[in-house]
Amino acid sequence: MRFSCLPLLASAALAASPTLIDNVRGAIANNDFRSGAEILQTYRSTRGVTPEWLEALSWMGRGELAAKNYDQAEKYAGQTYELCVAEIKKVPLDRNPYLPTALGAAIEVEANVLARRNQRSEAITYLQDQLKTYYATSIRARIQKNINLLSMEGKPAPALQSVTLAKGKPVLLFFWAHWCNDCKAEAPILARLKSEFGPKGLELVAPTQKYGYVQGGIEAPPEAELRYIEQVRQERYADIITTPAPVNEENFRRYGASTTPTLVLIDRAGIVRLYHPGRMTYEELRPLIAKLFPSSS
């Protein structure tokens, strides 16, 4: 299971309680779910259900899903979801940095369990219902991501705001964030692919969005963050993004780009052929692009 780099503010929130969350994740990494459950039980017996505990609990669901223990994954997801719903009756979802992660993970795990039990249509219906419920919250993009993972490939690409996709040409979308180290690591791979397939007609479009802060997680007004985004583009992405990047939060929500980078490959007819949250290697990405250029080996 591959996880993207987290925004700086979320990372700072995690650091506020490293013992609980890190210890649970450490147990999961060692495939020691019993120890993870014991850590959670001990914490709850002394401090009760807290948003931090809920995020740690959500990692148990993700770990069991990765281990293909679907009954246990579903159990943890259901428990996390139920307790998160109770918690957000007291505290708005986006008022605490742990709650969106916990609730979003619970929804994601439940949908993935359904999909892996060959209940794809039920998984999509479940996600669509959750999207309606949490449409006005920060987890909208994460829910949309999971809908897209199950249904976007083979469908027409959604329109982007502030940018028009080239007609009759393959397009590679690269959703990136100024704080994202995985995005920076992907840049040389995309530059290589652009130099190879750009002359044949491949268009590379790199949308981004504002996060409310700049380097070091320092809060910043939109004007300052836009200047910082342009600075990062020039320093890190000049080879692949030759003009100021389109900055629009709705594009991220529409494409479910809660993970950065997110890569989307669109063919000449405007049909999505790849939807991939997270990094890809040159060896993984090149054959998929080459298929859109029959003369390429």
C-alpha atoms as a PDB file:
ATOM      1  CA  MET A   1       0.000   0.000   0.000  1.00  0.00           C
ATOM      2  CA  ARG A   2       1.543   3.313  -1.087  1.00  0.00           C
ATOM      3  CA  PHE A   3       0.759   6.517   0.799  1.00  0.00           C
ATOM      4  CA  SER A   4       1.484   9.994  -0.458  1.00  0.00           C
ATOM      5  CA  CYS A   5       3.435  12.668   1.334  1.00  0.00           C
ATOM      6  CA  LEU A   6       1.186  14.616   3.712  1.00  0.00           C
ATOM      7  CA  PRO A   7       0.757  18.407   3.753  1.00  0.00           C
ATOM      8  CA  LEU A   8       3.068  20.130   6.191  1.00  0.00           C
ATOM      9  CA  LEU A   9       0.245  21.177   8.472  1.00  0.00           C
ATOM     10  CA  ALA A  10      -1.070  17.629   8.727  1.00  0.00           C
ATOM     11  CA  SER A  11       2.449  16.356   9.401  1.00  0.00           C
ATOM     12  CA  ALA A  12       2.794  18.877  12.202  1.00  0.00           C
ATOM     13  CA  ALA A  13      -0.472  17.647  13.670  1.00  0.00           C
ATOM     14  CA  LEU A  14       0.759  14.059  13.636  1.00  0.00           C
ATOM     15  CA  ALA A  15       3.918  15.119  15.436  1.00  0.00           C
ATOM     16  CA  ALA A  16       1.774  16.400  18.304  1.00  0.00           C
ATOM     17  CA  SER A  17       1.122  12.791  19.369  1.00  0.00           C
ATOM     18  CA  PRO A  18       3.902  10.627  17.957  1.00  0.00           C
ATOM     19  CA  THR A  19       3.674   7.883  20.584  1.00  0.00           C
ATOM     20  CA  LEU A  20       0.123   6.757  19.853  1.00  0.00           C
ATOM     21  CA  ILE A  21      -0.059   7.055  16.083  1.00  0.00           C
ATOM     22  CA  ASP A  22       3.536   6.151  15.341  1.00  0.00           C
ATOM     23  CA  ASN A  23       3.454   3.131  17.642  1.00  0.00           C
ATOM     24  CA  VAL A  24       0.268   1.819  16.067  1.00  0.00           C
ATOM     25  CA  ARG A  25       1.700   2.320  12.595  1.00  0.00           C
ATOM     26  CA  GLY A  26       4.933   0.664  13.691  1.00  0.00           C
ATOM     27  CA  ALA A  27       3.019  -2.386  14.877  1.00  0.00           C
ATOM     28  CA  ILE A  28       1.162  -2.538  11.579  1.00  0.00           C
ATOM     29  CA  ALA A  29       4.429  -2.274   9.642  1.00  0.00           C
ATOM     30  CA  ASN A  30       5.617  -5.363  11.556  1.00  0.00           C
ATOM     31  CA  ASN A  31       2.322  -7.119  10.790  1.00  0.00           C
ATOM     32  CA  ASP A  32       1.677  -7.188  14.540  1.00  0.00           C
ATOM     33  CA  PHE A  33      -1.974  -6.232  14.659  1.00  0.00           C
ATOM     34  CA  ARG A  34      -2.381  -7.644  18.148  1.00  0.00           C
ATOM     35  CA  SER A  35       0.115  -5.151  19.564  1.00  0.00           C
ATOM     36  CA  GLY A  36      -1.557  -2.348  17.636  1.00  0.00           C
ATOM     37  CA  ALA A  37      -4.911  -3.253  19.164  1.00  0.00           C
ATOM     38  CA  GLU A  38      -3.366  -3.405  22.645  1.00  0.00           C
ATOM     39  CA  ILE A  39      -1.826   0.058  22.225  1.00  0.00           C
ATOM     40  CA  LEU A  40      -5.218   1.424  21.255  1.00  0.00           C
ATOM     41  CA  GLN A  41      -6.974  -0.304  24.136  1.00  0.00           C
ATOM     42  CA  THR A  42      -4.491   1.005  26.695  1.00  0.00           C
ATOM     43  CA  TYR A  43      -4.787   4.579  25.414  1.00  0.00           C
ATOM     44  CA  ARG A  44      -8.592   4.458  25.356  1.00  0.00           C
ATOM     45  CA  SER A  45      -8.795   3.079  28.897  1.00  0.00           C
ATOM     46  CA  THR A  46      -6.904   6.078  30.249  1.00  0.00           C
ATOM     47  CA  ARG A  47      -7.835   8.934  27.909  1.00  0.00           C
ATOM     48  CA  GLY A  48     -11.004   7.819  26.178  1.00  0.00           C
ATOM     49  CA  VAL A  49     -11.872   8.341  22.527  1.00  0.00           C
ATOM     50  CA  THR A  50      -9.965  11.338  21.157  1.00  0.00           C
ATOM     51  CA  PRO A  51      -9.482  12.505  17.562  1.00  0.00           C
ATOM     52  CA  GLU A  52      -5.879  11.247  17.718  1.00  0.00           C
ATOM     53  CA  TRP A  53      -7.084   7.831  18.859  1.00  0.00           C
ATOM     54  CA  LEU A  54      -9.581   7.758  15.992  1.00  0.00           C
ATOM     55  CA  GLU A  55      -6.836   8.392  13.452  1.00  0.00           C
ATOM     56  CA  ALA A  56      -4.721   5.657  15.014  1.00  0.00           C
ATOM     57  CA  LEU A  57      -7.742   3.326  14.859  1.00  0.00           C
ATOM     58  CA  SER A  58      -8.202   4.155  11.186  1.00  0.00           C
ATOM     59  CA  TRP A  59      -4.655   2.949  10.517  1.00  0.00           C
ATOM     60  CA  MET A  60      -5.644  -0.464  11.827  1.00  0.00           C
ATOM     61  CA  GLY A  61      -8.317  -0.655   9.151  1.00  0.00           C
ATOM     62  CA  ARG A  62      -5.860   0.390   6.470  1.00  0.00           C
ATOM     63  CA  GLY A  63      -3.308  -2.121   7.682  1.00  0.00           C
ATOM     64  CA  GLU A  64      -5.777  -4.999   7.722  1.00  0.00           C
ATOM     65  CA  LEU A  65      -6.913  -4.035   4.223  1.00  0.00           C
ATOM     66  CA  ALA A  66      -3.335  -4.110   2.959  1.00  0.00           C
ATOM     67  CA  ALA A  67      -2.908  -7.513   4.597  1.00  0.00           C
ATOM     68  CA  LYS A  68      -6.091  -8.700   2.835  1.00  0.00           C
ATOM     69  CA  ASN A  69      -7.821  -9.372   6.144  1.00  0.00           C
ATOM     70  CA  TYR A  70     -11.073  -7.961   4.841  1.00  0.00           C
ATOM     71  CA  ASP A  71     -13.355  -8.910   7.742  1.00  0.00           C
ATOM     72  CA  GLN A  72     -11.049  -7.195  10.228  1.00  0.00           C
ATOM     73  CA  ALA A  73     -10.574  -4.197   7.920  1.00  0.00           C
ATOM     74  CA  GLU A  74     -14.331  -3.792   7.649  1.00  0.00           C
ATOM     75  CA  LYS A  75     -14.682  -4.072  11.430  1.00  0.00           C
ATOM     76  CA  TYR A  76     -12.137  -1.326  12.081  1.00  0.00           C
ATOM     77  CA  ALA A  77     -13.583   0.876   9.337  1.00  0.00           C
ATOM     78  CA  GLY A  78     -17.081   0.554  10.739  1.00  0.00           C
ATOM     79  CA  GLN A  79     -15.932   1.330  14.269  1.00  0.00           C
ATOM     80  CA  THR A  80     -13.903   4.323  13.115  1.00  0.00           C
ATOM     81  CA  TYR A  81     -16.785   5.668  11.057  1.00  0.00           C
ATOM     82  CA  GLU A  82     -19.335   5.304  13.859  1.00  0.00           C
ATOM     83  CA  LEU A  83     -17.127   6.999  16.436  1.00  0.00           C
ATOM     84  CA  CYS A  84     -16.119   9.784  14.024  1.00  0.00           C
ATOM     85  CA  VAL A  85     -19.771  10.563  13.323  1.00  0.00           C
ATOM     86  CA  ALA A  86     -20.374  10.794  17.070  1.00  0.00           C
ATOM     87  CA  GLU A  87     -17.335  13.038  17.480  1.00  0.00           C
ATOM     88  CA  ILE A  88     -18.283  15.486  14.718  1.00  0.00           C
ATOM     89  CA  LYS A  89     -21.587  16.083  16.435  1.00  0.00           C
ATOM     90  CA  LYS A  90     -19.460  17.785  19.102  1.00  0.00           C
ATOM     91  CA  VAL A  91     -16.675  19.224  16.950  1.00  0.00           C
ATOM     92  CA  PRO A  92     -17.029  20.148  13.241  1.00  0.00           C
ATOM     93  CA  LEU A  93     -15.115  17.723  11.024  1.00  0.00           C
ATOM     94  CA  ASP A  94     -12.596  20.239   9.727  1.00  0.00           C
ATOM     95  CA  ARG A  95     -12.014  21.885  13.100  1.00  0.00           C
ATOM     96  CA  ASN A  96      -9.584  19.139  14.131  1.00  0.00           C
ATOM     97  CA  PRO A  97      -6.724  17.883  11.921  1.00  0.00           C
ATOM     98  CA  TYR A  98      -7.146  14.225  12.916  1.00  0.00           C
ATOM     99  CA  LEU A  99     -10.861  13.776  12.243  1.00  0.00           C
ATOM    100  CA  PRO A 100     -10.836  14.215   8.426  1.00  0.00           C
ATOM    101  CA  THR A 101      -7.995  11.707   8.124  1.00  0.00           C
ATOM    102  CA  ALA A 102      -9.785   9.180  10.324  1.00  0.00           C
ATOM    103  CA  LEU A 103     -13.199   9.523   8.696  1.00  0.00           C
ATOM    104  CA  GLY A 104     -11.800   9.655   5.169  1.00  0.00           C
ATOM    105  CA  ALA A 105      -9.790   6.483   5.823  1.00  0.00           C
ATOM    106  CA  ALA A 106     -12.818   4.671   7.232  1.00  0.00           C
ATOM    107  CA  ILE A 107     -14.841   5.463   4.122  1.00  0.00           C
ATOM    108  CA  GLU A 108     -11.936   4.484   1.868  1.00  0.00           C
ATOM    109  CA  VAL A 109     -11.400   1.137   3.605  1.00  0.00           C
ATOM    110  CA  GLU A 110     -15.094   0.240   3.556  1.00  0.00           C
ATOM    111  CA  ALA A 111     -15.297   0.959  -0.180  1.00  0.00           C
ATOM    112  CA  ASN A 112     -12.140  -1.023  -0.901  1.00  0.00           C
ATOM    113  CA  VAL A 113     -13.412  -4.009   1.046  1.00  0.00           C
ATOM    114  CA  LEU A 114     -16.571  -4.007  -1.079  1.00  0.00           C
ATOM    115  CA  ALA A 115     -14.570  -3.669  -4.299  1.00  0.00           C
ATOM    116  CA  ARG A 116     -12.196  -6.498  -3.382  1.00  0.00           C
ATOM    117  CA  ARG A 117     -15.166  -8.714  -2.653  1.00  0.00           C
ATOM    118  CA  ASN A 118     -16.226  -8.144  -6.276  1.00  0.00           C
ATOM    119  CA  GLN A 119     -18.921  -5.666  -5.242  1.00  0.00           C
ATOM    120  CA  ARG A 120     -17.622  -2.764  -7.311  1.00  0.00           C
ATOM    121  CA  SER A 121     -21.015  -1.244  -8.087  1.00  0.00           C
ATOM    122  CA  GLU A 122     -21.961  -1.362  -4.402  1.00  0.00           C
ATOM    123  CA  ALA A 123     -18.648   0.303  -3.541  1.00  0.00           C
ATOM    124  CA  ILE A 124     -19.283   3.120  -6.012  1.00  0.00           C
ATOM    125  CA  THR A 125     -22.834   3.623  -4.725  1.00  0.00           C
ATOM    126  CA  TYR A 126     -21.542   3.740  -1.153  1.00  0.00           C
ATOM    127  CA  LEU A 127     -18.896   6.315  -2.060  1.00  0.00           C
ATOM    128  CA  GLN A 128     -21.391   8.444  -3.971  1.00  0.00           C
ATOM    129  CA  ASP A 129     -23.668   8.491  -0.919  1.00  0.00           C
ATOM    130  CA  GLN A 130     -20.754   9.519   1.295  1.00  0.00           C
ATOM    131  CA  LEU A 131     -19.774  12.198  -1.213  1.00  0.00           C
ATOM    132  CA  LYS A 132     -23.222  13.760  -0.894  1.00  0.00           C
ATOM    133  CA  THR A 133     -22.966  13.695   2.891  1.00  0.00           C
ATOM    134  CA  TYR A 134     -19.485  15.228   3.084  1.00  0.00           C
ATOM    135  CA  TYR A 135     -19.474  17.295  -0.110  1.00  0.00           C
ATOM    136  CA  ALA A 136     -18.817  20.567   1.724  1.00  0.00           C
ATOM    137  CA  THR A 137     -15.899  19.224   3.774  1.00  0.00           C
ATOM    138  CA  SER A 138     -12.207  18.620   3.215  1.00  0.00           C
ATOM    139  CA  ILE A 139     -12.694  14.888   2.598  1.00  0.00           C
ATOM    140  CA  ARG A 140     -14.648  15.504  -0.602  1.00  0.00           C
ATOM    141  CA  ALA A 141     -11.513  15.092  -2.719  1.00  0.00           C
ATOM    142  CA  ARG A 142     -10.534  11.868  -0.960  1.00  0.00           C
ATOM    143  CA  ILE A 143     -13.953  10.332  -1.525  1.00  0.00           C
ATOM    144  CA  GLN A 144     -13.893  11.470  -5.155  1.00  0.00           C
ATOM    145  CA  LYS A 145     -10.451   9.894  -5.540  1.00  0.00           C
ATOM    146  CA  ASN A 146     -11.852   6.527  -4.558  1.00  0.00           C
ATOM    147  CA  ILE A 147     -14.801   6.908  -6.912  1.00  0.00           C
ATOM    148  CA  ASN A 148     -12.359   7.764  -9.686  1.00  0.00           C
ATOM    149  CA  LEU A 149     -10.154   4.777  -8.899  1.00  0.00           C
ATOM    150  CA  LEU A 150     -13.140   2.502  -9.423  1.00  0.00           C
ATOM    151  CA  SER A 151     -14.778   4.219 -12.362  1.00  0.00           C
ATOM    152  CA  MET A 152     -12.784   6.949 -14.136  1.00  0.00           C
ATOM    153  CA  GLU A 153     -10.650   4.913 -16.532  1.00  0.00           C
ATOM    154  CA  GLY A 154     -12.429   4.437 -19.833  1.00  0.00           C
ATOM    155  CA  LYS A 155     -14.653   7.482 -19.247  1.00  0.00           C
ATOM    156  CA  PRO A 156     -14.407  11.023 -20.702  1.00  0.00           C
ATOM    157  CA  ALA A 157     -12.044  13.228 -18.721  1.00  0.00           C
ATOM    158  CA  PRO A 158     -13.802  15.844 -16.548  1.00  0.00           C
ATOM    159  CA  ALA A 159     -13.318  19.421 -17.669  1.00  0.00           C
ATOM    160  CA  LEU A 160     -10.744  21.509 -15.845  1.00  0.00           C
ATOM    161  CA  GLN A 161     -11.298  25.039 -14.653  1.00  0.00           C
ATOM    162  CA  SER A 162      -8.883  27.753 -15.807  1.00  0.00           C
ATOM    163  CA  VAL A 163      -7.373  25.487 -18.469  1.00  0.00           C
ATOM    164  CA  THR A 164      -8.577  23.901 -21.708  1.00  0.00           C
ATOM    165  CA  LEU A 165      -7.234  20.469 -22.585  1.00  0.00           C
ATOM    166  CA  ALA A 166      -5.834  20.061 -26.082  1.00  0.00           C
ATOM    167  CA  LYS A 167      -8.201  18.343 -28.511  1.00  0.00           C
ATOM    168  CA  GLY A 168      -6.904  15.511 -30.646  1.00  0.00           C
ATOM    169  CA  LYS A 169      -3.730  15.127 -28.563  1.00  0.00           C
ATOM    170  CA  PRO A 170      -2.863  12.830 -25.677  1.00  0.00           C
ATOM    171  CA  VAL A 171      -2.619  14.717 -22.369  1.00  0.00           C
ATOM    172  CA  LEU A 172      -0.820  13.823 -19.162  1.00  0.00           C
ATOM    173  CA  LEU A 173      -2.173  15.626 -16.088  1.00  0.00           C
ATOM    174  CA  PHE A 174       0.216  16.069 -13.180  1.00  0.00           C
ATOM    175  CA  PHE A 175      -1.513  17.303 -10.008  1.00  0.00           C
ATOM    176  CA  TRP A 176       1.172  18.624  -7.677  1.00  0.00           C
ATOM    177  CA  ALA A 177       1.630  20.636  -4.500  1.00  0.00           C
ATOM    178  CA  HIS A 178       4.345  23.090  -3.561  1.00  0.00           C
ATOM    179  CA  TRP A 179       5.124  21.207  -0.328  1.00  0.00           C
ATOM    180  CA  CYS A 180       5.202  17.728  -1.901  1.00  0.00           C
ATOM    181  CA  ASN A 181       8.546  15.918  -2.027  1.00  0.00           C
ATOM    182  CA  ASP A 182       7.040  13.039  -4.022  1.00  0.00           C
ATOM    183  CA  CYS A 183       6.015  15.565  -6.679  1.00  0.00           C
ATOM    184  CA  LYS A 184       9.558  16.908  -6.852  1.00  0.00           C
ATOM    185  CA  ALA A 185      10.895  13.373  -7.195  1.00  0.00           C
ATOM    186  CA  GLU A 186       8.472  12.749 -10.082  1.00  0.00           C
ATOM    187  CA  ALA A 187       9.595  15.839 -12.007  1.00  0.00           C
ATOM    188  CA  PRO A 188      12.737  14.335 -13.661  1.00  0.00           C
ATOM    189  CA  ILE A 189      10.679  11.342 -14.825  1.00  0.00           C
ATOM    190  CA  LEU A 190       8.076  13.617 -16.384  1.00  0.00           C
ATOM    191  CA  ALA A 191      10.793  15.763 -17.969  1.00  0.00           C
ATOM    192  CA  ARG A 192      12.252  12.655 -19.613  1.00  0.00           C
ATOM    193  CA  LEU A 193       8.846  11.570 -20.892  1.00  0.00           C
ATOM    194  CA  LYS A 194       8.069  15.069 -22.127  1.00  0.00           C
ATOM    195  CA  SER A 195      11.313  15.222 -24.088  1.00  0.00           C
ATOM    196  CA  GLU A 196      10.525  11.832 -25.633  1.00  0.00           C
ATOM    197  CA  PHE A 197       6.833  12.204 -26.412  1.00  0.00           C
ATOM    198  CA  GLY A 198       6.343  15.975 -26.485  1.00  0.00           C
ATOM    199  CA  PRO A 199       7.613  16.235 -30.075  1.00  0.00           C
ATOM    200  CA  LYS A 200       5.084  13.545 -31.025  1.00  0.00           C
ATOM    201  CA  GLY A 201       2.195  15.540 -29.569  1.00  0.00           C
ATOM    202  CA  LEU A 202       1.950  14.730 -25.857  1.00  0.00           C
ATOM    203  CA  GLU A 203       0.670  17.671 -23.821  1.00  0.00           C
ATOM    204  CA  LEU A 204       1.611  17.907 -20.148  1.00  0.00           C
ATOM    205  CA  VAL A 205      -0.694  19.960 -17.919  1.00  0.00           C
ATOM    206  CA  ALA A 206       0.230  20.508 -14.261  1.00  0.00           C
ATOM    207  CA  PRO A 207      -2.614  21.850 -12.090  1.00  0.00           C
ATOM    208  CA  THR A 208      -1.973  22.822  -8.484  1.00  0.00           C
ATOM    209  CA  GLN A 209      -3.855  24.553  -5.681  1.00  0.00           C
ATOM    210  CA  LYS A 210      -3.404  26.761  -2.635  1.00  0.00           C
ATOM    211  CA  TYR A 211      -3.041  25.249   0.842  1.00  0.00           C
ATOM    212  CA  GLY A 212      -2.949  28.386   2.955  1.00  0.00           C
ATOM    213  CA  TYR A 213       0.762  28.292   3.774  1.00  0.00           C
ATOM    214  CA  VAL A 214       4.240  28.532   2.295  1.00  0.00           C
ATOM    215  CA  GLN A 215       7.634  27.019   3.105  1.00  0.00           C
ATOM    216  CA  GLY A 216       7.915  25.673   6.634  1.00  0.00           C
ATOM    217  CA  GLY A 217       4.135  25.551   7.068  1.00  0.00           C
ATOM    218  CA  ILE A 218       3.979  29.309   7.667  1.00  0.00           C
ATOM    219  CA  GLU A 219       0.446  30.591   7.120  1.00  0.00           C
ATOM    220  CA  ALA A 220       0.206  32.956   4.161  1.00  0.00           C
ATOM    221  CA  PRO A 221      -2.496  34.967   2.359  1.00  0.00           C
ATOM    222  CA  PRO A 222      -3.411  33.861  -1.177  1.00  0.00           C
ATOM    223  CA  GLU A 223      -1.232  36.479  -2.886  1.00  0.00           C
ATOM    224  CA  ALA A 224       1.873  35.387  -0.996  1.00  0.00           C
ATOM    225  CA  GLU A 225       1.175  31.710  -1.590  1.00  0.00           C
ATOM    226  CA  LEU A 226       0.676  32.285  -5.315  1.00  0.00           C
ATOM    227  CA  ARG A 227       4.070  33.981  -5.469  1.00  0.00           C
ATOM    228  CA  TYR A 228       5.580  31.034  -3.613  1.00  0.00           C
ATOM    229  CA  ILE A 229       3.941  28.521  -5.988  1.00  0.00           C
ATOM    230  CA  GLU A 230       5.491  30.349  -8.923  1.00  0.00           C
ATOM    231  CA  GLN A 231       8.859  30.365  -7.166  1.00  0.00           C
ATOM    232  CA  VAL A 232       8.667  26.588  -6.629  1.00  0.00           C
ATOM    233  CA  ARG A 233       7.631  26.082 -10.254  1.00  0.00           C
ATOM    234  CA  GLN A 234      10.649  27.977 -11.509  1.00  0.00           C
ATOM    235  CA  GLU A 235      13.055  26.248  -9.134  1.00  0.00           C
ATOM    236  CA  ARG A 236      11.756  22.676  -9.371  1.00  0.00           C
ATOM    237  CA  TYR A 237       9.539  22.265 -12.421  1.00  0.00           C
ATOM    238  CA  ALA A 238      10.801  24.615 -15.104  1.00  0.00           C
ATOM    239  CA  ASP A 239      11.575  21.691 -17.432  1.00  0.00           C
ATOM    240  CA  ILE A 240       8.004  20.417 -17.434  1.00  0.00           C
ATOM    241  CA  ILE A 241       5.898  23.471 -16.531  1.00  0.00           C
ATOM    242  CA  THR A 242       7.023  26.266 -18.823  1.00  0.00           C
ATOM    243  CA  THR A 243       4.353  28.805 -17.825  1.00  0.00           C
ATOM    244  CA  PRO A 244       2.650  29.590 -14.501  1.00  0.00           C
ATOM    245  CA  ALA A 245       0.677  26.546 -13.390  1.00  0.00           C
ATOM    246  CA  PRO A 246      -3.137  26.660 -13.278  1.00  0.00           C
ATOM    247  CA  VAL A 247      -4.105  27.141  -9.624  1.00  0.00           C
ATOM    248  CA  ASN A 248      -7.627  26.001  -8.798  1.00  0.00           C
ATOM    249  CA  GLU A 249      -8.963  24.060  -5.826  1.00  0.00           C
ATOM    250  CA  GLU A 250     -12.030  22.807  -7.719  1.00  0.00           C
ATOM    251  CA  ASN A 251      -9.804  20.920 -10.168  1.00  0.00           C
ATOM    252  CA  PHE A 252      -8.347  18.954  -7.259  1.00  0.00           C
ATOM    253  CA  ARG A 253     -11.776  18.161  -5.846  1.00  0.00           C
ATOM    254  CA  ARG A 254     -13.157  17.144  -9.237  1.00  0.00           C
ATOM    255  CA  TYR A 255     -10.237  14.829  -9.965  1.00  0.00           C
ATOM    256  CA  GLY A 256     -10.029  13.603  -6.382  1.00  0.00           C
ATOM    257  CA  ALA A 257      -6.415  14.694  -6.119  1.00  0.00           C
ATOM    258  CA  SER A 258      -6.171  14.308  -2.349  1.00  0.00           C
ATOM    259  CA  THR A 259      -2.933  12.422  -3.008  1.00  0.00           C
ATOM    260  CA  THR A 260      -0.052  14.269  -4.623  1.00  0.00           C
ATOM    261  CA  PRO A 261       1.150  13.660  -7.135  1.00  0.00           C
ATOM    262  CA  THR A 262      -1.883  12.353  -8.995  1.00  0.00           C
ATOM    263  CA  LEU A 263      -1.262  11.333 -12.605  1.00  0.00           C
ATOM    264  CA  VAL A 264      -4.018  11.132 -15.219  1.00  0.00           C
ATOM    265  CA  LEU A 265      -3.400  10.043 -18.803  1.00  0.00           C
ATOM    266  CA  ILE A 266      -5.979  11.040 -21.413  1.00  0.00           C
ATOM    267  CA  ASP A 267      -6.034   9.786 -24.999  1.00  0.00           C
ATOM    268  CA  ARG A 268      -6.651  11.715 -28.223  1.00  0.00           C
ATOM    269  CA  ALA A 269     -10.409  11.220 -27.891  1.00  0.00           C
ATOM    270  CA  GLY A 270     -10.479  12.693 -24.384  1.00  0.00           C
ATOM    271  CA  ILE A 271     -10.884   9.317 -22.637  1.00  0.00           C
ATOM    272  CA  VAL A 272      -9.051   8.629 -19.374  1.00  0.00           C
ATOM    273  CA  ARG A 273      -6.625   5.726 -19.820  1.00  0.00           C
ATOM    274  CA  LEU A 274      -4.838   6.027 -16.467  1.00  0.00           C
ATOM    275  CA  TYR A 275      -5.869   7.409 -13.102  1.00  0.00           C
ATOM    276  CA  HIS A 276      -3.101   6.991 -10.550  1.00  0.00           C
ATOM    277  CA  PRO A 277      -2.756   8.700  -7.144  1.00  0.00           C
ATOM    278  CA  GLY A 278       0.893   8.623  -6.124  1.00  0.00           C
ATOM    279  CA  ARG A 279       4.281   8.409  -7.802  1.00  0.00           C
ATOM    280  CA  MET A 280       5.061   6.276 -10.847  1.00  0.00           C
ATOM    281  CA  THR A 281       8.407   5.216 -12.248  1.00  0.00           C
ATOM    282  CA  TYR A 282       9.534   5.858 -15.804  1.00  0.00           C
ATOM    283  CA  GLU A 283       9.258   2.129 -16.466  1.00  0.00           C
ATOM    284  CA  GLU A 284       5.647   2.080 -15.241  1.00  0.00           C
ATOM    285  CA  LEU A 285       4.494   5.206 -17.057  1.00  0.00           C
ATOM    286  CA  ARG A 286       6.292   5.041 -20.402  1.00  0.00           C
ATOM    287  CA  PRO A 287       4.508   1.948 -21.830  1.00  0.00           C
ATOM    288  CA  LEU A 288       1.118   3.481 -21.069  1.00  0.00           C
ATOM    289  CA  ILE A 289       2.036   6.683 -22.906  1.00  0.00           C
ATOM    290  CA  ALA A 290       3.630   4.741 -25.759  1.00  0.00           C
ATOM    291  CA  LYS A 291       0.327   2.944 -26.394  1.00  0.00           C
ATOM    292  CA  LEU A 292      -1.139   6.295 -27.399  1.00  0.00           C
ATOM    293  CA  PHE A 293       1.584   6.637 -30.034  1.00  0.00           C
ATOM    294  CA  PRO A 294       1.428   3.376 -32.054  1.00  0.00           C
ATOM    295  CA  SER A 295       4.720   4.091 -33.842  1.00  0.00           C
ATOM    296  CA  SER A 296       6.613   4.293 -30.519  1.00  0.00           C
ATOM    297  CA  SER A 297       8.429   1.189 -29.306  1.00  0.00           C
END
